[in-house]
């Protein structure tokens, strides 16, 4: 699948920049010292360094398809971002900047790959989107090891594709009725309740002209207990 995207990108860049095959090379190899030593003419390197799922374009749910009366279902295809680091190589720095600027203009001028460059495998899917990645995604110094310590100017081209990752699964027959039953819950046993009448009564006695409840030692009706002398 990724190699098909590479082929589509090469066709697009050669036609839109343009990058004629007779004058300019285009490579998807890692731009390391070994590759750089073999350059004999101006070249554009398109290096795939990052693959991430596109969360903003992800979809949930199910998709249905009917074939000869049979219903099939599958989840929506996942959407993936392919990020390429694009650099220009020439004997003169001015030529590199001119070549890189032409590539940048071609990418910004097309929000998606034109249909004439898209492989047949992507015809029934969403368009292949083109964009320039933001500066927050990656810093130029992070590529110094890949470029053998060279700090070359480059741009990050983000390609968004739909990946055909799920198979169609036969759906069951349509629902014709719903059956349900009811079960009696076990009875809840509560502890016996006590009432005021079930509590034992306190004994009342008269002491020194006052009525006192045994166990409390307090007179009733607000009467004061006689003081001892």
Protein backbone atom coordinates (compact mmCIF):
# COMPACT_ATOMS: atom_id res chain seq x y z
CA UNK A 1 0.00 0.00 0.00
CA UNK A 2 2.75 2.50 0.95
CA UNK A 3 4.70 1.68 -2.21
CA UNK A 4 1.59 2.64 -4.21
CA UNK A 5 1.53 6.01 -2.44
CA UNK A 6 5.23 6.46 -3.31
CA UNK A 7 4.47 5.80 -6.98
CA UNK A 8 1.59 8.29 -6.92
CA UNK A 9 3.76 10.94 -5.28
CA UNK A 10 6.52 10.50 -7.84
CA UNK A 11 4.06 10.90 -10.72
CA UNK A 12 2.56 13.97 -9.08
CA UNK A 13 5.88 15.70 -8.29
CA UNK A 14 7.34 15.05 -11.73
CA UNK A 15 4.24 16.51 -13.38
CA UNK A 16 3.44 19.39 -11.00
CA UNK A 17 6.90 20.80 -10.08
CA UNK A 18 7.96 19.68 -12.75
CA UNK A 19 10.85 17.23 -12.26
CA UNK A 20 11.83 15.88 -15.68
CA UNK A 21 13.45 12.45 -15.50
CA UNK A 22 16.17 13.45 -17.96
CA UNK A 23 17.48 16.22 -15.67
CA UNK A 24 16.46 15.54 -12.05
CA UNK A 25 16.48 12.36 -9.98
CA UNK A 26 13.81 11.55 -7.39
CA UNK A 27 14.52 9.03 -4.63
CA UNK A 28 12.69 7.59 -1.60
CA UNK A 29 15.89 6.17 -0.02
CA UNK A 30 17.24 7.35 3.34
CA UNK A 31 19.33 10.50 2.63
CA UNK A 32 22.44 9.26 4.46
CA UNK A 33 26.13 9.61 3.55
CA UNK A 34 26.12 6.49 1.36
CA UNK A 35 23.21 7.78 -0.69
CA UNK A 36 24.61 11.30 -0.91
CA UNK A 37 27.97 10.08 -2.23
CA UNK A 38 26.24 8.56 -5.27
CA UNK A 39 24.54 11.78 -6.43
CA UNK A 40 25.68 12.87 -9.87
CA UNK A 41 22.99 15.43 -10.74
CA UNK A 42 20.27 17.50 -9.01
CA UNK A 43 18.02 15.28 -6.93
CA UNK A 44 14.92 15.45 -4.74
CA UNK A 45 14.79 13.05 -1.81
CA UNK A 46 11.37 12.09 -0.40
CA UNK A 47 12.03 10.15 2.80
CA UNK A 48 9.16 8.53 4.75
CA UNK A 49 10.00 8.89 8.44
CA UNK A 50 6.69 8.86 10.34
CA UNK A 51 3.37 6.99 10.20
CA UNK A 52 0.53 7.92 12.56
CA UNK A 53 -3.19 7.37 12.73
CA UNK A 54 -5.21 10.50 12.02
CA UNK A 55 -7.38 11.00 15.10
CA UNK A 56 -9.35 14.01 13.75
CA UNK A 57 -10.47 12.00 10.70
CA UNK A 58 -11.27 8.77 12.54
CA UNK A 59 -14.88 7.58 12.44
CA UNK A 60 -16.89 5.27 14.66
CA UNK A 61 -19.88 3.02 14.03
CA UNK A 62 -20.59 0.47 11.31
CA UNK A 63 -20.91 0.60 7.52
CA UNK A 64 -23.45 -1.62 5.75
CA UNK A 65 -23.44 -3.05 2.25
CA UNK A 66 -26.08 -5.24 0.59
CA UNK A 67 -25.05 -7.81 -2.01
CA UNK A 68 -27.72 -10.05 -3.57
CA UNK A 69 -30.01 -9.58 -0.57
CA UNK A 70 -27.29 -10.33 2.00
CA UNK A 71 -26.27 -7.54 4.37
CA UNK A 72 -22.57 -7.12 5.23
CA UNK A 73 -21.05 -4.85 7.87
CA UNK A 74 -17.60 -3.54 8.83
CA UNK A 75 -16.14 -0.59 10.76
CA UNK A 76 -15.11 2.52 8.80
CA UNK A 77 -11.63 2.30 7.32
CA UNK A 78 -8.92 3.89 9.50
CA UNK A 79 -7.22 7.05 8.24
CA UNK A 80 -3.42 7.33 8.43
CA UNK A 81 -0.94 10.21 8.05
CA UNK A 82 2.30 9.47 6.18
CA UNK A 83 4.91 12.18 6.78
CA UNK A 84 7.77 12.56 4.30
CA UNK A 85 10.89 14.69 4.81
CA UNK A 86 11.65 16.30 1.45
CA UNK A 87 15.15 17.66 0.68
CA UNK A 88 16.83 19.00 -2.45
CA UNK A 89 20.40 18.09 -3.46
CA UNK A 90 22.56 19.95 -5.94
CA UNK A 91 26.13 21.20 -6.34
CA UNK A 92 25.05 24.80 -5.65
CA UNK A 93 23.01 25.94 -2.61
CA UNK A 94 21.03 28.32 -4.80
CA UNK A 95 19.93 25.45 -7.02
CA UNK A 96 18.86 23.45 -3.96
CA UNK A 97 16.71 26.31 -2.67
CA UNK A 98 15.13 26.88 -6.06
CA UNK A 99 14.33 23.18 -6.42
CA UNK A 100 12.93 22.92 -2.88
CA UNK A 101 10.80 26.03 -3.39
CA UNK A 102 9.29 24.57 -6.56
CA UNK A 103 8.34 21.40 -4.66
CA UNK A 104 6.82 23.47 -1.85
CA UNK A 105 4.70 25.49 -4.28
CA UNK A 106 3.41 22.34 -5.97
CA UNK A 107 2.34 20.78 -2.65
CA UNK A 108 0.66 23.92 -1.33
CA UNK A 109 -1.16 24.37 -4.63
CA UNK A 110 -2.85 20.96 -4.40
CA UNK A 111 -4.94 19.91 -1.40
CA UNK A 112 -5.06 16.36 -2.73
CA UNK A 113 -3.45 14.15 -5.33
CA UNK A 114 -5.07 14.64 -8.75
CA UNK A 115 -7.14 11.64 -9.92
CA UNK A 116 -4.80 10.92 -12.85
CA UNK A 117 -1.98 10.07 -10.42
CA UNK A 118 -3.98 7.87 -8.02
CA UNK A 119 -3.58 4.07 -8.36
CA UNK A 120 -6.64 1.94 -9.06
CA UNK A 121 -6.50 0.49 -5.54
CA UNK A 122 -7.50 3.92 -4.11
CA UNK A 123 -10.35 4.71 -6.50
CA UNK A 124 -13.11 3.55 -4.14
CA UNK A 125 -11.59 5.30 -1.11
CA UNK A 126 -11.37 8.86 0.13
CA UNK A 127 -9.09 11.27 -1.76
CA UNK A 128 -5.37 11.20 -0.91
CA UNK A 129 -4.80 14.53 0.86
CA UNK A 130 -1.61 16.60 0.70
CA UNK A 131 -0.44 19.10 3.29
CA UNK A 132 2.64 20.58 4.94
CA UNK A 133 3.13 19.36 8.52
CA UNK A 134 3.33 21.93 11.31
CA UNK A 135 6.64 22.92 12.88
CA UNK A 136 5.54 21.41 16.20
CA UNK A 137 5.66 17.88 14.77
CA UNK A 138 9.43 17.67 14.33
CA UNK A 139 12.49 19.95 14.67
CA UNK A 140 15.19 20.24 11.98
CA UNK A 141 17.90 19.05 14.39
CA UNK A 142 16.14 15.72 14.77
CA UNK A 143 17.25 14.79 11.22
CA UNK A 144 20.94 15.52 11.78
CA UNK A 145 21.75 11.86 12.51
CA UNK A 146 19.99 10.68 9.35
CA UNK A 147 21.80 13.30 7.27
CA UNK A 148 25.17 12.43 8.90
CA UNK A 149 25.22 15.65 10.86
CA UNK A 150 24.29 17.92 7.96
CA UNK A 151 21.63 20.53 8.63
CA UNK A 152 19.93 20.68 5.26
CA UNK A 153 16.75 22.68 4.64
CA UNK A 154 13.72 20.51 4.07
CA UNK A 155 9.96 20.40 4.31
CA UNK A 156 7.62 17.86 5.81
CA UNK A 157 4.96 16.67 3.41
CA UNK A 158 1.98 14.98 5.06
CA UNK A 159 -0.04 12.52 3.01
CA UNK A 160 -3.40 11.37 4.43
CA UNK A 161 -4.78 8.07 3.15
CA UNK A 162 -7.62 5.69 3.94
CA UNK A 163 -6.43 2.17 4.71
CA UNK A 164 -8.60 -0.77 3.68
CA UNK A 165 -7.97 -2.72 6.89
CA UNK A 166 -11.31 -4.44 7.69
CA UNK A 167 -13.18 -7.23 5.96
CA UNK A 168 -16.91 -7.31 5.34
CA UNK A 169 -18.74 -9.65 7.73
CA UNK A 170 -22.15 -11.18 7.05
CA UNK A 171 -24.86 -9.68 9.21
CA UNK A 172 -27.47 -11.91 10.81
CA UNK A 173 -31.10 -12.06 9.63
CA UNK A 174 -33.27 -9.03 10.48
CA UNK A 175 -34.99 -9.04 13.87
CA UNK A 176 -38.61 -10.16 13.62
CA UNK A 177 -39.58 -10.16 17.28
CA UNK A 178 -38.31 -9.72 20.81
CA UNK A 179 -39.02 -12.17 23.63
CA UNK A 180 -38.58 -11.34 27.26
CA UNK A 181 -39.44 -12.90 30.61
CA UNK A 182 -39.85 -11.80 34.19
CA UNK A 183 -38.48 -13.46 37.31
CA UNK A 184 -39.76 -12.75 40.82
CA UNK A 185 -37.12 -11.26 43.05
CA UNK A 186 -36.58 -12.98 46.42
CA UNK A 187 -38.56 -11.42 49.24
CA UNK A 188 -36.61 -9.05 51.39
CA UNK A 189 -36.71 -9.92 55.05
CA UNK A 190 -36.63 -6.89 57.31
CA UNK A 191 -35.80 -6.99 61.03
CA UNK A 192 -38.83 -6.66 63.38
CA UNK A 193 -39.69 -3.12 64.33
CA UNK A 194 -39.93 -2.03 67.94
CA UNK A 195 -42.53 0.46 69.19
CA UNK A 196 -42.70 2.64 72.19
CA UNK A 197 -45.21 0.26 73.76
CA UNK A 198 -42.75 -2.64 73.56
CA UNK A 199 -40.16 -0.84 75.72
CA UNK A 200 -40.23 -1.54 79.47
CA UNK A 201 -41.65 1.25 81.60
CA UNK A 202 -39.50 2.94 84.17
CA UNK A 203 -40.78 2.69 87.75
CA UNK A 204 -41.99 5.90 89.40
CA UNK A 205 -41.67 6.51 93.14
CA UNK A 206 -42.30 9.48 95.38
CA UNK A 207 -39.43 10.81 97.40
CA UNK A 208 -39.71 13.84 99.64
CA UNK A 209 -42.87 15.03 97.99
CA UNK A 210 -41.53 14.66 94.42
CA UNK A 211 -42.15 11.94 91.80
CA UNK A 212 -38.89 10.41 90.59
CA UNK A 213 -38.32 7.91 87.72
CA UNK A 214 -35.93 5.20 88.85
CA UNK A 215 -32.79 5.05 86.76
CA UNK A 216 -32.88 8.78 86.02
CA UNK A 217 -32.64 10.36 89.39
CA UNK A 218 -34.55 13.40 88.17
CA UNK A 219 -37.87 14.73 89.47
CA UNK A 220 -40.83 14.98 87.13
CA UNK A 221 -43.02 18.00 86.35
CA UNK A 222 -40.19 20.41 87.03
CA UNK A 223 -40.39 19.85 90.84
CA UNK A 224 -37.18 20.28 92.73
CA UNK A 225 -35.91 17.48 94.85
CA UNK A 226 -35.66 18.31 98.55
CA UNK A 227 -32.25 19.35 99.66
CA UNK A 228 -30.53 17.53 102.45
CA UNK A 229 -29.47 19.38 105.54
